[in-house]
Structure formats: structure tokens, C-alpha cells
Amino acid sequence: PNFLIHSTLFTLHDIDFDSQYTLAGSGTAVNSPRSAYVLLRNGLSVPLVSAVDPSAVRRQASLEGLCAEAAALRLEAENERRKHRLHVVHTEYEELCAQVTTEAVVETVREF
């Protein structure tokens, strides 16, 4: 209950592939059983489908002694990996949504 007041809730349907908005806050939660299922099935978590924090990438690159250009390339590569992960899970999510209702997923989970 208190957790939900301070949470950002989302489904895979909500995520914008090109968004720089990060969902990886401490109160971020998946509120869709189908989204949770697809993420778990692919071994992913919210931070792995969330936008990359540019300052964190620059900070890490600096600690490694890399120049600004290398940090920019790393950021671009991380964003491309994120887009690829999103494409994979979004496609699987859409296929699942077309085949299975939320209620059916909830009922299946209850059986365990």
C-alpha cells in the first residue's frame, strides 16, 4: 500500500523505445502480470529495459580513464542494446496479449 503511493507503475506497453526517461527508480514496479512474465522469461529487470543514465556512463568512463568520445560511444551502444531488448520483449508481450488475457495469467499464477 505505501509502496504503491510512491511507485512508478508500468507495463511493457507503456515504454517508449526512444525515451530517455528512466524507469529504474527505487519505487518502480511492473503492474502487469503479462509484462512481469515476459521480463522474467527473458531474464530482464526494470533497469535493463530502462533508459541509460548518461551521467552514470560518463562517470564510469571517467573512472576507467576513457575520453569523452569513448563515453559517448559507450552511451550510444548501451542505448542500442536497450532498444534491442525492448524490441524483443515488446514483441513477445504483444504476442502474449493477443493470446492470453490478464485474468488467465493471474489464474495460472494462483495455481502455483
C-alpha atoms as a PDB file:
ATOM      1  CA  PRO A   1       0.000   0.000   0.000  1.00  0.00           C
ATOM      2  CA  ASN A   2       2.569   2.675   0.969  1.00  0.00           C
ATOM      3  CA  PHE A   3       4.835   1.264  -1.714  1.00  0.00           C
ATOM      4  CA  LEU A   4       2.202   1.942  -4.363  1.00  0.00           C
ATOM      5  CA  ILE A   5       1.815   5.573  -3.311  1.00  0.00           C
ATOM      6  CA  HIS A   6       5.474   6.261  -4.098  1.00  0.00           C
ATOM      7  CA  SER A   7       5.814   3.917  -7.070  1.00  0.00           C
ATOM      8  CA  THR A   8       6.014   4.346 -10.783  1.00  0.00           C
ATOM      9  CA  LEU A   9       3.868   1.595 -12.272  1.00  0.00           C
ATOM     10  CA  PHE A  10       4.201   0.484 -15.872  1.00  0.00           C
ATOM     11  CA  THR A  11       3.573  -2.224 -18.404  1.00  0.00           C
ATOM     12  CA  LEU A  12       5.733  -3.062 -21.395  1.00  0.00           C
ATOM     13  CA  HIS A  13       3.073  -1.380 -23.486  1.00  0.00           C
ATOM     14  CA  ASP A  14       3.885   1.948 -21.761  1.00  0.00           C
ATOM     15  CA  ILE A  15       7.601   2.109 -22.590  1.00  0.00           C
ATOM     16  CA  ASP A  16       8.734   4.408 -25.387  1.00  0.00           C
ATOM     17  CA  PHE A  17      11.633   2.869 -27.316  1.00  0.00           C
ATOM     18  CA  ASP A  18      13.286   6.264 -27.870  1.00  0.00           C
ATOM     19  CA  SER A  19      12.551   7.789 -24.483  1.00  0.00           C
ATOM     20  CA  GLN A  20      15.418   8.994 -22.350  1.00  0.00           C
ATOM     21  CA  TYR A  21      13.173   8.731 -19.279  1.00  0.00           C
ATOM     22  CA  THR A  22      14.472   6.195 -16.840  1.00  0.00           C
ATOM     23  CA  LEU A  23      12.149   3.820 -15.039  1.00  0.00           C
ATOM     24  CA  ALA A  24      14.886   2.462 -12.817  1.00  0.00           C
ATOM     25  CA  GLY A  25      13.924   4.328  -9.670  1.00  0.00           C
ATOM     26  CA  SER A  26      13.728   2.648  -6.301  1.00  0.00           C
ATOM     27  CA  GLY A  27       9.927   2.650  -6.454  1.00  0.00           C
ATOM     28  CA  THR A  28       9.437   1.356  -9.980  1.00  0.00           C
ATOM     29  CA  ALA A  29       7.169  -1.659 -10.318  1.00  0.00           C
ATOM     30  CA  VAL A  30       5.673  -3.694 -13.110  1.00  0.00           C
ATOM     31  CA  ASN A  31       1.908  -3.688 -12.631  1.00  0.00           C
ATOM     32  CA  SER A  32       1.016  -6.129 -15.370  1.00  0.00           C
ATOM     33  CA  PRO A  33       1.276  -9.894 -14.931  1.00  0.00           C
ATOM     34  CA  ARG A  34       1.996 -10.308 -18.643  1.00  0.00           C
ATOM     35  CA  SER A  35       4.772  -7.689 -18.539  1.00  0.00           C
ATOM     36  CA  ALA A  36       6.307  -9.316 -15.467  1.00  0.00           C
ATOM     37  CA  TYR A  37       6.107 -12.738 -17.118  1.00  0.00           C
ATOM     38  CA  VAL A  38       7.797 -11.554 -20.332  1.00  0.00           C
ATOM     39  CA  LEU A  39      10.563  -9.720 -18.451  1.00  0.00           C
ATOM     40  CA  LEU A  40      11.257 -12.719 -16.217  1.00  0.00           C
ATOM     41  CA  ARG A  41      11.115 -15.156 -19.115  1.00  0.00           C
ATOM     42  CA  ASN A  42      13.820 -13.108 -20.857  1.00  0.00           C
ATOM     43  CA  GLY A  43      15.929 -12.725 -17.711  1.00  0.00           C
ATOM     44  CA  LEU A  44      15.408  -8.965 -17.598  1.00  0.00           C
ATOM     45  CA  SER A  45      14.627  -6.471 -14.871  1.00  0.00           C
ATOM     46  CA  VAL A  46      13.256  -2.930 -14.921  1.00  0.00           C
ATOM     47  CA  PRO A  47      16.717  -1.284 -15.047  1.00  0.00           C
ATOM     48  CA  LEU A  48      17.673  -3.370 -18.092  1.00  0.00           C
ATOM     49  CA  VAL A  49      14.767  -2.000 -20.133  1.00  0.00           C
ATOM     50  CA  SER A  50      15.004   1.469 -18.681  1.00  0.00           C
ATOM     51  CA  ALA A  51      16.862   4.319 -20.351  1.00  0.00           C
ATOM     52  CA  VAL A  52      20.559   4.541 -19.611  1.00  0.00           C
ATOM     53  CA  ASP A  53      21.639   7.343 -17.273  1.00  0.00           C
ATOM     54  CA  PRO A  54      24.142   9.416 -19.312  1.00  0.00           C
ATOM     55  CA  SER A  55      25.844  10.817 -16.207  1.00  0.00           C
ATOM     56  CA  ALA A  56      26.438   7.305 -14.849  1.00  0.00           C
ATOM     57  CA  VAL A  57      28.012   6.231 -18.141  1.00  0.00           C
ATOM     58  CA  ARG A  58      30.237   9.332 -18.228  1.00  0.00           C
ATOM     59  CA  ARG A  59      31.227   8.823 -14.587  1.00  0.00           C
ATOM     60  CA  GLN A  60      32.145   5.166 -15.193  1.00  0.00           C
ATOM     61  CA  ALA A  61      34.092   6.067 -18.336  1.00  0.00           C
ATOM     62  CA  SER A  62      35.976   8.733 -16.415  1.00  0.00           C
ATOM     63  CA  LEU A  63      36.871   6.242 -13.669  1.00  0.00           C
ATOM     64  CA  GLU A  64      38.233   3.960 -16.386  1.00  0.00           C
ATOM     65  CA  GLY A  65      40.277   6.799 -17.851  1.00  0.00           C
ATOM     66  CA  LEU A  66      38.286   6.971 -21.089  1.00  0.00           C
ATOM     67  CA  CYS A  67      37.868  10.175 -23.071  1.00  0.00           C
ATOM     68  CA  ALA A  68      34.536  11.929 -23.656  1.00  0.00           C
ATOM     69  CA  GLU A  69      34.241  10.466 -27.165  1.00  0.00           C
ATOM     70  CA  ALA A  70      34.611   6.921 -25.800  1.00  0.00           C
ATOM     71  CA  ALA A  71      31.971   7.666 -23.167  1.00  0.00           C
ATOM     72  CA  ALA A  72      29.618   8.931 -25.886  1.00  0.00           C
ATOM     73  CA  LEU A  73      30.178   5.751 -27.908  1.00  0.00           C
ATOM     74  CA  ARG A  74      29.539   3.636 -24.830  1.00  0.00           C
ATOM     75  CA  LEU A  75      26.303   5.525 -24.133  1.00  0.00           C
ATOM     76  CA  GLU A  76      25.175   5.043 -27.722  1.00  0.00           C
ATOM     77  CA  ALA A  77      25.956   1.316 -27.537  1.00  0.00           C
ATOM     78  CA  GLU A  78      24.066   0.952 -24.236  1.00  0.00           C
ATOM     79  CA  ASN A  79      21.038   2.711 -25.713  1.00  0.00           C
ATOM     80  CA  GLU A  80      21.131   0.440 -28.764  1.00  0.00           C
ATOM     81  CA  ARG A  81      21.284  -2.653 -26.525  1.00  0.00           C
ATOM     82  CA  ARG A  82      18.314  -1.294 -24.560  1.00  0.00           C
ATOM     83  CA  LYS A  83      16.308  -0.716 -27.743  1.00  0.00           C
ATOM     84  CA  HIS A  84      17.082  -4.260 -28.875  1.00  0.00           C
ATOM     85  CA  ARG A  85      15.999  -5.724 -25.502  1.00  0.00           C
ATOM     86  CA  LEU A  86      12.828  -3.619 -25.629  1.00  0.00           C
ATOM     87  CA  HIS A  87      12.045  -4.742 -29.157  1.00  0.00           C
ATOM     88  CA  VAL A  88      12.395  -8.402 -28.152  1.00  0.00           C
ATOM     89  CA  VAL A  89      10.256  -8.153 -25.016  1.00  0.00           C
ATOM     90  CA  HIS A  90       7.706  -5.811 -26.582  1.00  0.00           C
ATOM     91  CA  THR A  91       7.161  -8.218 -29.477  1.00  0.00           C
ATOM     92  CA  GLU A  92       6.767 -11.137 -27.092  1.00  0.00           C
ATOM     93  CA  TYR A  93       4.460  -9.051 -24.871  1.00  0.00           C
ATOM     94  CA  GLU A  94       2.208  -8.109 -27.801  1.00  0.00           C
ATOM     95  CA  GLU A  95       2.016 -11.764 -28.890  1.00  0.00           C
ATOM     96  CA  LEU A  96       1.144 -12.833 -25.346  1.00  0.00           C
ATOM     97  CA  CYS A  97      -1.508 -10.118 -25.007  1.00  0.00           C
ATOM     98  CA  ALA A  98      -3.130 -11.263 -28.247  1.00  0.00           C
ATOM     99  CA  GLN A  99      -3.344 -14.830 -26.943  1.00  0.00           C
ATOM    100  CA  VAL A 100      -3.845 -14.626 -23.180  1.00  0.00           C
ATOM    101  CA  THR A 101      -5.995 -12.358 -21.022  1.00  0.00           C
ATOM    102  CA  THR A 102      -4.656 -10.809 -17.837  1.00  0.00           C
ATOM    103  CA  GLU A 103      -7.196 -12.814 -15.884  1.00  0.00           C
ATOM    104  CA  ALA A 104      -5.879 -16.089 -17.337  1.00  0.00           C
ATOM    105  CA  VAL A 105      -2.319 -15.193 -16.324  1.00  0.00           C
ATOM    106  CA  VAL A 106      -3.431 -14.278 -12.803  1.00  0.00           C
ATOM    107  CA  GLU A 107      -5.372 -17.527 -12.519  1.00  0.00           C
ATOM    108  CA  THR A 108      -2.351 -19.549 -13.676  1.00  0.00           C
ATOM    109  CA  VAL A 109      -0.110 -17.846 -11.124  1.00  0.00           C
ATOM    110  CA  ARG A 110      -2.639 -18.545  -8.369  1.00  0.00           C
ATOM    111  CA  GLU A 111      -2.426 -22.245  -9.165  1.00  0.00           C
ATOM    112  CA  PHE A 112       1.242 -22.264  -8.163  1.00  0.00           C
END
